[in-house]
mmCIF file of all heavy atoms, coordinates in Angstrom:
data_MODEL
# 
_entry.id   MODEL 
# 
loop_
_atom_site.group_PDB 
_atom_site.id 
_atom_site.type_symbol 
_atom_site.label_atom_id 
_atom_site.label_alt_id 
_atom_site.label_comp_id 
_atom_site.label_asym_id 
_atom_site.label_entity_id 
_atom_site.label_seq_id 
_atom_site.pdbx_PDB_ins_code 
_atom_site.Cartn_x 
_atom_site.Cartn_y 
_atom_site.Cartn_z 
_atom_site.occupancy 
_atom_site.B_iso_or_equiv 
_atom_site.pdbx_formal_charge 
_atom_site.auth_seq_id 
_atom_site.auth_comp_id 
_atom_site.auth_asym_id 
_atom_site.auth_atom_id 
_atom_site.pdbx_PDB_model_num 
ATOM 1   N N   . GLU A 1 1  ? -18.535 7.939  -4.613  1.00 0.00 ? 1  GLU A N   1 
ATOM 2   C CA  . GLU A 1 1  ? -18.163 6.637  -4.069  1.00 0.00 ? 1  GLU A CA  1 
ATOM 3   C C   . GLU A 1 1  ? -16.950 6.761  -3.154  1.00 0.00 ? 1  GLU A C   1 
ATOM 4   O O   . GLU A 1 1  ? -16.854 6.073  -2.140  1.00 0.00 ? 1  GLU A O   1 
ATOM 5   C CB  . GLU A 1 1  ? -17.873 5.668  -5.208  1.00 0.00 ? 1  GLU A CB  1 
ATOM 6   C CG  . GLU A 1 1  ? -19.088 5.325  -6.050  1.00 0.00 ? 1  GLU A CG  1 
ATOM 7   C CD  . GLU A 1 1  ? -18.748 4.318  -7.132  1.00 0.00 ? 1  GLU A CD  1 
ATOM 8   O OE1 . GLU A 1 1  ? -17.672 3.700  -7.048  1.00 0.00 ? 1  GLU A OE1 1 
ATOM 9   O OE2 . GLU A 1 1  ? -19.552 4.145  -8.060  1.00 0.00 ? 1  GLU A OE2 1 
ATOM 10  N N   . ILE A 1 2  ? -16.006 7.635  -3.500  1.00 0.00 ? 2  ILE A N   1 
ATOM 11  C CA  . ILE A 1 2  ? -14.809 7.826  -2.678  1.00 0.00 ? 2  ILE A CA  1 
ATOM 12  C C   . ILE A 1 2  ? -15.183 8.322  -1.295  1.00 0.00 ? 2  ILE A C   1 
ATOM 13  O O   . ILE A 1 2  ? -14.578 7.952  -0.294  1.00 0.00 ? 2  ILE A O   1 
ATOM 14  C CB  . ILE A 1 2  ? -13.861 8.825  -3.363  1.00 0.00 ? 2  ILE A CB  1 
ATOM 15  C CG1 . ILE A 1 2  ? -13.284 8.191  -4.632  1.00 0.00 ? 2  ILE A CG1 1 
ATOM 16  C CG2 . ILE A 1 2  ? -12.724 9.257  -2.431  1.00 0.00 ? 2  ILE A CG2 1 
ATOM 17  C CD1 . ILE A 1 2  ? -12.537 9.156  -5.519  1.00 0.00 ? 2  ILE A CD1 1 
ATOM 18  N N   . ALA A 1 3  ? -16.188 9.165  -1.223  1.00 0.00 ? 3  ALA A N   1 
ATOM 19  C CA  . ALA A 1 3  ? -16.595 9.726  0.067   1.00 0.00 ? 3  ALA A CA  1 
ATOM 20  C C   . ALA A 1 3  ? -17.029 8.638  1.040   1.00 0.00 ? 3  ALA A C   1 
ATOM 21  O O   . ALA A 1 3  ? -17.008 8.833  2.246   1.00 0.00 ? 3  ALA A O   1 
ATOM 22  C CB  . ALA A 1 3  ? -17.727 10.735 -0.140  1.00 0.00 ? 3  ALA A CB  1 
ATOM 23  N N   . LEU A 1 4  ? -17.427 7.481  0.520   1.00 0.00 ? 4  LEU A N   1 
ATOM 24  C CA  . LEU A 1 4  ? -17.878 6.410  1.392   1.00 0.00 ? 4  LEU A CA  1 
ATOM 25  C C   . LEU A 1 4  ? -16.710 5.682  2.041   1.00 0.00 ? 4  LEU A C   1 
ATOM 26  O O   . LEU A 1 4  ? -16.759 5.330  3.206   1.00 0.00 ? 4  LEU A O   1 
ATOM 27  C CB  . LEU A 1 4  ? -18.735 5.425  0.593   1.00 0.00 ? 4  LEU A CB  1 
ATOM 28  C CG  . LEU A 1 4  ? -19.982 6.018  -0.061  1.00 0.00 ? 4  LEU A CG  1 
ATOM 29  C CD1 . LEU A 1 4  ? -20.708 4.960  -0.867  1.00 0.00 ? 4  LEU A CD1 1 
ATOM 30  C CD2 . LEU A 1 4  ? -20.909 6.613  0.994   1.00 0.00 ? 4  LEU A CD2 1 
ATOM 31  N N   . SER A 1 5  ? -15.629 5.433  1.265   1.00 0.00 ? 5  SER A N   1 
ATOM 32  C CA  . SER A 1 5  ? -14.501 4.678  1.803   1.00 0.00 ? 5  SER A CA  1 
ATOM 33  C C   . SER A 1 5  ? -13.305 4.766  0.865   1.00 0.00 ? 5  SER A C   1 
ATOM 34  O O   . SER A 1 5  ? -13.459 4.848  -0.356  1.00 0.00 ? 5  SER A O   1 
ATOM 35  C CB  . SER A 1 5  ? -14.886 3.212  1.995   1.00 0.00 ? 5  SER A CB  1 
ATOM 36  O OG  . SER A 1 5  ? -13.774 2.463  2.423   1.00 0.00 ? 5  SER A OG  1 
ATOM 37  N N   . PHE A 1 6  ? -12.089 4.740  1.469   1.00 0.00 ? 6  PHE A N   1 
ATOM 38  C CA  . PHE A 1 6  ? -10.861 4.653  0.685   1.00 0.00 ? 6  PHE A CA  1 
ATOM 39  C C   . PHE A 1 6  ? -10.494 3.209  0.385   1.00 0.00 ? 6  PHE A C   1 
ATOM 40  O O   . PHE A 1 6  ? -9.503  2.947  -0.295  1.00 0.00 ? 6  PHE A O   1 
ATOM 41  C CB  . PHE A 1 6  ? -9.692  5.287  1.457   1.00 0.00 ? 6  PHE A CB  1 
ATOM 42  C CG  . PHE A 1 6  ? -9.789  6.772  1.611   1.00 0.00 ? 6  PHE A CG  1 
ATOM 43  C CD1 . PHE A 1 6  ? -9.749  7.359  2.868   1.00 0.00 ? 6  PHE A CD1 1 
ATOM 44  C CD2 . PHE A 1 6  ? -9.888  7.589  0.508   1.00 0.00 ? 6  PHE A CD2 1 
ATOM 45  C CE1 . PHE A 1 6  ? -9.830  8.724  3.022   1.00 0.00 ? 6  PHE A CE1 1 
ATOM 46  C CE2 . PHE A 1 6  ? -9.969  8.963  0.641   1.00 0.00 ? 6  PHE A CE2 1 
ATOM 47  C CZ  . PHE A 1 6  ? -9.939  9.531  1.897   1.00 0.00 ? 6  PHE A CZ  1 
ATOM 48  N N   . ALA A 1 7  ? -11.255 2.260  0.908   1.00 0.00 ? 7  ALA A N   1 
ATOM 49  C CA  . ALA A 1 7  ? -10.880 0.848  0.829   1.00 0.00 ? 7  ALA A CA  1 
ATOM 50  C C   . ALA A 1 7  ? -10.586 0.363  -0.592  1.00 0.00 ? 7  ALA A C   1 
ATOM 51  O O   . ALA A 1 7  ? -9.603  -0.357 -0.806  1.00 0.00 ? 7  ALA A O   1 
ATOM 52  C CB  . ALA A 1 7  ? -11.966 -0.019 1.468   1.00 0.00 ? 7  ALA A CB  1 
ATOM 53  N N   . PRO A 1 8  ? -11.392 0.726  -1.615  1.00 0.00 ? 8  PRO A N   1 
ATOM 54  C CA  . PRO A 1 8  ? -11.086 0.232  -2.961  1.00 0.00 ? 8  PRO A CA  1 
ATOM 55  C C   . PRO A 1 8  ? -9.714  0.706  -3.461  1.00 0.00 ? 8  PRO A C   1 
ATOM 56  O O   . PRO A 1 8  ? -8.997  -0.044 -4.123  1.00 0.00 ? 8  PRO A O   1 
ATOM 57  C CB  . PRO A 1 8  ? -12.218 0.818  -3.814  1.00 0.00 ? 8  PRO A CB  1 
ATOM 58  C CG  . PRO A 1 8  ? -13.332 1.039  -2.848  1.00 0.00 ? 8  PRO A CG  1 
ATOM 59  C CD  . PRO A 1 8  ? -12.676 1.454  -1.588  1.00 0.00 ? 8  PRO A CD  1 
ATOM 60  N N   . VAL A 1 9  ? -9.360  1.951  -3.138  1.00 0.00 ? 9  VAL A N   1 
ATOM 61  C CA  . VAL A 1 9  ? -8.051  2.464  -3.553  1.00 0.00 ? 9  VAL A CA  1 
ATOM 62  C C   . VAL A 1 9  ? -6.933  1.721  -2.819  1.00 0.00 ? 9  VAL A C   1 
ATOM 63  O O   . VAL A 1 9  ? -5.931  1.336  -3.415  1.00 0.00 ? 9  VAL A O   1 
ATOM 64  C CB  . VAL A 1 9  ? -7.944  3.982  -3.272  1.00 0.00 ? 9  VAL A CB  1 
ATOM 65  C CG1 . VAL A 1 9  ? -6.596  4.516  -3.743  1.00 0.00 ? 9  VAL A CG1 1 
ATOM 66  C CG2 . VAL A 1 9  ? -9.087  4.731  -3.936  1.00 0.00 ? 9  VAL A CG2 1 
ATOM 67  N N   . VAL A 1 10 ? -7.119  1.517  -1.529  1.00 0.00 ? 10 VAL A N   1 
ATOM 68  C CA  . VAL A 1 10 ? -6.122  0.824  -0.721  1.00 0.00 ? 10 VAL A CA  1 
ATOM 69  C C   . VAL A 1 10 ? -5.920  -0.597 -1.239  1.00 0.00 ? 10 VAL A C   1 
ATOM 70  O O   . VAL A 1 10 ? -4.787  -1.071 -1.378  1.00 0.00 ? 10 VAL A O   1 
ATOM 71  C CB  . VAL A 1 10 ? -6.538  0.804  0.761   1.00 0.00 ? 10 VAL A CB  1 
ATOM 72  C CG1 . VAL A 1 10 ? -5.601  -0.084 1.573   1.00 0.00 ? 10 VAL A CG1 1 
ATOM 73  C CG2 . VAL A 1 10 ? -6.555  2.222  1.322   1.00 0.00 ? 10 VAL A CG2 1 
ATOM 74  N N   . GLN A 1 11 ? -7.023  -1.287 -1.556  1.00 0.00 ? 11 GLN A N   1 
ATOM 75  C CA  . GLN A 1 11 ? -6.922  -2.664 -2.037  1.00 0.00 ? 11 GLN A CA  1 
ATOM 76  C C   . GLN A 1 11 ? -6.191  -2.747 -3.365  1.00 0.00 ? 11 GLN A C   1 
ATOM 77  O O   . GLN A 1 11 ? -5.523  -3.745 -3.653  1.00 0.00 ? 11 GLN A O   1 
ATOM 78  C CB  . GLN A 1 11 ? -8.317  -3.273 -2.157  1.00 0.00 ? 11 GLN A CB  1 
ATOM 79  C CG  . GLN A 1 11 ? -8.985  -3.516 -0.810  1.00 0.00 ? 11 GLN A CG  1 
ATOM 80  C CD  . GLN A 1 11 ? -10.430 -3.931 -0.932  1.00 0.00 ? 11 GLN A CD  1 
ATOM 81  O OE1 . GLN A 1 11 ? -10.898 -4.272 -2.020  1.00 0.00 ? 11 GLN A OE1 1 
ATOM 82  N NE2 . GLN A 1 11 ? -11.164 -3.890 0.170   1.00 0.00 ? 11 GLN A NE2 1 
ATOM 83  N N   . ARG A 1 12 ? -6.293  -1.702 -4.142  1.00 0.00 ? 12 ARG A N   1 
ATOM 84  C CA  . ARG A 1 12 ? -5.584  -1.704 -5.429  1.00 0.00 ? 12 ARG A CA  1 
ATOM 85  C C   . ARG A 1 12 ? -4.108  -1.365 -5.261  1.00 0.00 ? 12 ARG A C   1 
ATOM 86  O O   . ARG A 1 12 ? -3.253  -1.961 -5.928  1.00 0.00 ? 12 ARG A O   1 
ATOM 87  C CB  . ARG A 1 12 ? -6.229  -0.695 -6.379  1.00 0.00 ? 12 ARG A CB  1 
ATOM 88  C CG  . ARG A 1 12 ? -5.494  -0.563 -7.701  1.00 0.00 ? 12 ARG A CG  1 
ATOM 89  C CD  . ARG A 1 12 ? -6.227  0.315  -8.679  1.00 0.00 ? 12 ARG A CD  1 
ATOM 90  N NE  . ARG A 1 12 ? -5.497  0.455  -9.925  1.00 0.00 ? 12 ARG A NE  1 
ATOM 91  C CZ  . ARG A 1 12 ? -5.954  1.080  -10.997 1.00 0.00 ? 12 ARG A CZ  1 
ATOM 92  N NH1 . ARG A 1 12 ? -7.160  1.613  -10.979 1.00 0.00 ? 12 ARG A NH1 1 
ATOM 93  N NH2 . ARG A 1 12 ? -5.226  1.159  -12.083 1.00 0.00 ? 12 ARG A NH2 1 
ATOM 94  N N   . ALA A 1 13 ? -3.778  -0.424 -4.375  1.00 0.00 ? 13 ALA A N   1 
ATOM 95  C CA  . ALA A 1 13 ? -2.417  0.091  -4.287  1.00 0.00 ? 13 ALA A CA  1 
ATOM 96  C C   . ALA A 1 13 ? -1.499  -0.703 -3.376  1.00 0.00 ? 13 ALA A C   1 
ATOM 97  O O   . ALA A 1 13 ? -0.316  -0.876 -3.674  1.00 0.00 ? 13 ALA A O   1 
ATOM 98  C CB  . ALA A 1 13 ? -2.452  1.551  -3.833  1.00 0.00 ? 13 ALA A CB  1 
ATOM 99  N N   . THR A 1 14 ? -2.013  -1.200 -2.240  1.00 0.00 ? 14 THR A N   1 
ATOM 100 C CA  . THR A 1 14 ? -1.121  -1.801 -1.236  1.00 0.00 ? 14 THR A CA  1 
ATOM 101 C C   . THR A 1 14 ? -0.355  -3.037 -1.714  1.00 0.00 ? 14 THR A C   1 
ATOM 102 O O   . THR A 1 14 ? 0.780   -3.244 -1.261  1.00 0.00 ? 14 THR A O   1 
ATOM 103 C CB  . THR A 1 14 ? -1.893  -2.150 0.048   1.00 0.00 ? 14 THR A CB  1 
ATOM 104 O OG1 . THR A 1 14 ? -3.055  -2.924 -0.282  1.00 0.00 ? 14 THR A OG1 1 
ATOM 105 C CG2 . THR A 1 14 ? -2.296  -0.898 0.794   1.00 0.00 ? 14 THR A CG2 1 
ATOM 106 N N   . PRO A 1 15 ? -0.886  -3.876 -2.606  1.00 0.00 ? 15 PRO A N   1 
ATOM 107 C CA  . PRO A 1 15 ? -0.074  -5.025 -3.040  1.00 0.00 ? 15 PRO A CA  1 
ATOM 108 C C   . PRO A 1 15 ? 1.231   -4.631 -3.715  1.00 0.00 ? 15 PRO A C   1 
ATOM 109 O O   . PRO A 1 15 ? 2.178   -5.425 -3.746  1.00 0.00 ? 15 PRO A O   1 
ATOM 110 C CB  . PRO A 1 15 ? -1.015  -5.758 -4.017  1.00 0.00 ? 15 PRO A CB  1 
ATOM 111 C CG  . PRO A 1 15 ? -2.386  -5.375 -3.583  1.00 0.00 ? 15 PRO A CG  1 
ATOM 112 C CD  . PRO A 1 15 ? -2.269  -3.955 -3.141  1.00 0.00 ? 15 PRO A CD  1 
ATOM 113 N N   . ALA A 1 16 ? 1.312   -3.414 -4.267  1.00 0.00 ? 16 ALA A N   1 
ATOM 114 C CA  . ALA A 1 16 ? 2.511   -2.982 -4.972  1.00 0.00 ? 16 ALA A CA  1 
ATOM 115 C C   . ALA A 1 16 ? 3.476   -2.202 -4.078  1.00 0.00 ? 16 ALA A C   1 
ATOM 116 O O   . ALA A 1 16 ? 4.524   -1.760 -4.540  1.00 0.00 ? 16 ALA A O   1 
ATOM 117 C CB  . ALA A 1 16 ? 2.122   -2.119 -6.171  1.00 0.00 ? 16 ALA A CB  1 
ATOM 118 N N   . VAL A 1 17 ? 3.129   -2.014 -2.806  1.00 0.00 ? 17 VAL A N   1 
ATOM 119 C CA  . VAL A 1 17 ? 4.019   -1.330 -1.865  1.00 0.00 ? 17 VAL A CA  1 
ATOM 120 C C   . VAL A 1 17 ? 4.701   -2.376 -1.002  1.00 0.00 ? 17 VAL A C   1 
ATOM 121 O O   . VAL A 1 17 ? 4.031   -3.239 -0.418  1.00 0.00 ? 17 VAL A O   1 
ATOM 122 C CB  . VAL A 1 17 ? 3.254   -0.317 -0.993  1.00 0.00 ? 17 VAL A CB  1 
ATOM 123 C CG1 . VAL A 1 17 ? 4.210   0.403  -0.038  1.00 0.00 ? 17 VAL A CG1 1 
ATOM 124 C CG2 . VAL A 1 17 ? 2.541   0.709  -1.878  1.00 0.00 ? 17 VAL A CG2 1 
ATOM 125 N N   . VAL A 1 18 ? 6.031   -2.313 -0.924  1.00 0.00 ? 18 VAL A N   1 
ATOM 126 C CA  . VAL A 1 18 ? 6.803   -3.368 -0.264  1.00 0.00 ? 18 VAL A CA  1 
ATOM 127 C C   . VAL A 1 18 ? 7.568   -2.824 0.934   1.00 0.00 ? 18 VAL A C   1 
ATOM 128 O O   . VAL A 1 18 ? 7.807   -1.618 1.053   1.00 0.00 ? 18 VAL A O   1 
ATOM 129 C CB  . VAL A 1 18 ? 7.786   -4.022 -1.252  1.00 0.00 ? 18 VAL A CB  1 
ATOM 130 C CG1 . VAL A 1 18 ? 7.033   -4.638 -2.423  1.00 0.00 ? 18 VAL A CG1 1 
ATOM 131 C CG2 . VAL A 1 18 ? 8.810   -3.006 -1.754  1.00 0.00 ? 18 VAL A CG2 1 
ATOM 132 N N   . ASN A 1 19 ? 7.958   -3.726 1.823   1.00 0.00 ? 19 ASN A N   1 
ATOM 133 C CA  . ASN A 1 19 ? 8.855   -3.400 2.920   1.00 0.00 ? 19 ASN A CA  1 
ATOM 134 C C   . ASN A 1 19 ? 10.270  -3.797 2.517   1.00 0.00 ? 19 ASN A C   1 
ATOM 135 O O   . ASN A 1 19 ? 10.473  -4.858 1.907   1.00 0.00 ? 19 ASN A O   1 
ATOM 136 C CB  . ASN A 1 19 ? 8.462   -4.150 4.192   1.00 0.00 ? 19 ASN A CB  1 
ATOM 137 C CG  . ASN A 1 19 ? 7.073   -3.778 4.670   1.00 0.00 ? 19 ASN A CG  1 
ATOM 138 O OD1 . ASN A 1 19 ? 6.575   -2.700 4.367   1.00 0.00 ? 19 ASN A OD1 1 
ATOM 139 N ND2 . ASN A 1 19 ? 6.440   -4.677 5.409   1.00 0.00 ? 19 ASN A ND2 1 
ATOM 140 N N   . ILE A 1 20 ? 11.241  -2.951 2.852   1.00 0.00 ? 20 ILE A N   1 
ATOM 141 C CA  . ILE A 1 20 ? 12.631  -3.191 2.471   1.00 0.00 ? 20 ILE A CA  1 
ATOM 142 C C   . ILE A 1 20 ? 13.497  -3.243 3.721   1.00 0.00 ? 20 ILE A C   1 
ATOM 143 O O   . ILE A 1 20 ? 13.461  -2.341 4.564   1.00 0.00 ? 20 ILE A O   1 
ATOM 144 C CB  . ILE A 1 20 ? 13.142  -2.096 1.515   1.00 0.00 ? 20 ILE A CB  1 
ATOM 145 C CG1 . ILE A 1 20 ? 12.337  -2.111 0.216   1.00 0.00 ? 20 ILE A CG1 1 
ATOM 146 C CG2 . ILE A 1 20 ? 14.626  -2.281 1.234   1.00 0.00 ? 20 ILE A CG2 1 
ATOM 147 C CD1 . ILE A 1 20 ? 12.751  -1.042 -0.776  1.00 0.00 ? 20 ILE A CD1 1 
ATOM 148 N N   . TYR A 1 21 ? 14.277  -4.319 3.822   1.00 0.00 ? 21 TYR A N   1 
ATOM 149 C CA  . TYR A 1 21 ? 15.227  -4.487 4.914   1.00 0.00 ? 21 TYR A CA  1 
ATOM 150 C C   . TYR A 1 21 ? 16.630  -4.516 4.295   1.00 0.00 ? 21 TYR A C   1 
ATOM 151 O O   . TYR A 1 21 ? 16.945  -5.416 3.511   1.00 0.00 ? 21 TYR A O   1 
ATOM 152 C CB  . TYR A 1 21 ? 14.940  -5.776 5.673   1.00 0.00 ? 21 TYR A CB  1 
ATOM 153 C CG  . TYR A 1 21 ? 13.533  -5.830 6.235   1.00 0.00 ? 21 TYR A CG  1 
ATOM 154 C CD1 . TYR A 1 21 ? 12.472  -6.326 5.478   1.00 0.00 ? 21 TYR A CD1 1 
ATOM 155 C CD2 . TYR A 1 21 ? 13.262  -5.373 7.522   1.00 0.00 ? 21 TYR A CD2 1 
ATOM 156 C CE1 . TYR A 1 21 ? 11.185  -6.366 5.978   1.00 0.00 ? 21 TYR A CE1 1 
ATOM 157 C CE2 . TYR A 1 21 ? 11.967  -5.413 8.039   1.00 0.00 ? 21 TYR A CE2 1 
ATOM 158 C CZ  . TYR A 1 21 ? 10.941  -5.908 7.262   1.00 0.00 ? 21 TYR A CZ  1 
ATOM 159 O OH  . TYR A 1 21 ? 9.656   -5.936 7.757   1.00 0.00 ? 21 TYR A OH  1 
ATOM 160 N N   . ALA A 1 22 ? 17.451  -3.521 4.624   1.00 0.00 ? 22 ALA A N   1 
ATOM 161 C CA  . ALA A 1 22 ? 18.788  -3.401 4.039   1.00 0.00 ? 22 ALA A CA  1 
ATOM 162 C C   . ALA A 1 22 ? 19.849  -3.558 5.127   1.00 0.00 ? 22 ALA A C   1 
ATOM 163 O O   . ALA A 1 22 ? 19.690  -3.067 6.247   1.00 0.00 ? 22 ALA A O   1 
ATOM 164 C CB  . ALA A 1 22 ? 18.946  -2.051 3.345   1.00 0.00 ? 22 ALA A CB  1 
ATOM 165 N N   . THR A 1 23 ? 20.928  -4.238 4.773   1.00 0.00 ? 23 THR A N   1 
ATOM 166 C CA  . THR A 1 23 ? 22.029  -4.475 5.701   1.00 0.00 ? 23 THR A CA  1 
ATOM 167 C C   . THR A 1 23 ? 23.329  -3.978 5.094   1.00 0.00 ? 23 THR A C   1 
ATOM 168 O O   . THR A 1 23 ? 23.618  -4.257 3.920   1.00 0.00 ? 23 THR A O   1 
ATOM 169 C CB  . THR A 1 23 ? 22.157  -5.975 6.024   1.00 0.00 ? 23 THR A CB  1 
ATOM 170 O OG1 . THR A 1 23 ? 20.928  -6.447 6.567   1.00 0.00 ? 23 THR A OG1 1 
ATOM 171 C CG2 . THR A 1 23 ? 23.275  -6.219 7.023   1.00 0.00 ? 23 THR A CG2 1 
ATOM 172 N N   . ARG A 1 24 ? 24.098  -3.245 5.885   1.00 0.00 ? 24 ARG A N   1 
ATOM 173 C CA  . ARG A 1 24 ? 25.413  -2.757 5.461   1.00 0.00 ? 24 ARG A CA  1 
ATOM 174 C C   . ARG A 1 24 ? 26.459  -3.218 6.465   1.00 0.00 ? 24 ARG A C   1 
ATOM 175 O O   . ARG A 1 24 ? 26.195  -3.275 7.662   1.00 0.00 ? 24 ARG A O   1 
ATOM 176 C CB  . ARG A 1 24 ? 25.442  -1.228 5.384   1.00 0.00 ? 24 ARG A CB  1 
ATOM 177 C CG  . ARG A 1 24 ? 24.416  -0.610 4.478   1.00 0.00 ? 24 ARG A CG  1 
ATOM 178 C CD  . ARG A 1 24 ? 24.395  0.907  4.626   1.00 0.00 ? 24 ARG A CD  1 
ATOM 179 N NE  . ARG A 1 24 ? 23.377  1.535  3.807   1.00 0.00 ? 24 ARG A NE  1 
ATOM 180 C CZ  . ARG A 1 24 ? 22.106  1.658  4.153   1.00 0.00 ? 24 ARG A CZ  1 
ATOM 181 N NH1 . ARG A 1 24 ? 21.705  1.197  5.324   1.00 0.00 ? 24 ARG A NH1 1 
ATOM 182 N NH2 . ARG A 1 24 ? 21.234  2.239  3.352   1.00 0.00 ? 24 ARG A NH2 1 
ATOM 183 N N   . ILE A 1 25 ? 27.655  -3.508 5.967   1.00 0.00 ? 25 ILE A N   1 
ATOM 184 C CA  . ILE A 1 25 ? 28.789  -3.802 6.829   1.00 0.00 ? 25 ILE A CA  1 
ATOM 185 C C   . ILE A 1 25 ? 29.677  -2.565 6.822   1.00 0.00 ? 25 ILE A C   1 
ATOM 186 O O   . ILE A 1 25 ? 30.223  -2.192 5.781   1.00 0.00 ? 25 ILE A O   1 
ATOM 187 C CB  . ILE A 1 25 ? 29.587  -5.022 6.349   1.00 0.00 ? 25 ILE A CB  1 
ATOM 188 C CG1 . ILE A 1 25 ? 28.660  -6.238 6.178   1.00 0.00 ? 25 ILE A CG1 1 
ATOM 189 C CG2 . ILE A 1 25 ? 30.713  -5.338 7.328   1.00 0.00 ? 25 ILE A CG2 1 
ATOM 190 C CD1 . ILE A 1 25 ? 27.993  -6.674 7.459   1.00 0.00 ? 25 ILE A CD1 1 
# 
């Protein structure tokens, strides 16, 4: 099934990956 598409893995993992914006003075 994996050989057909990575989409199921991506749909499971991407919601838990975040973008971080950090600011320093």
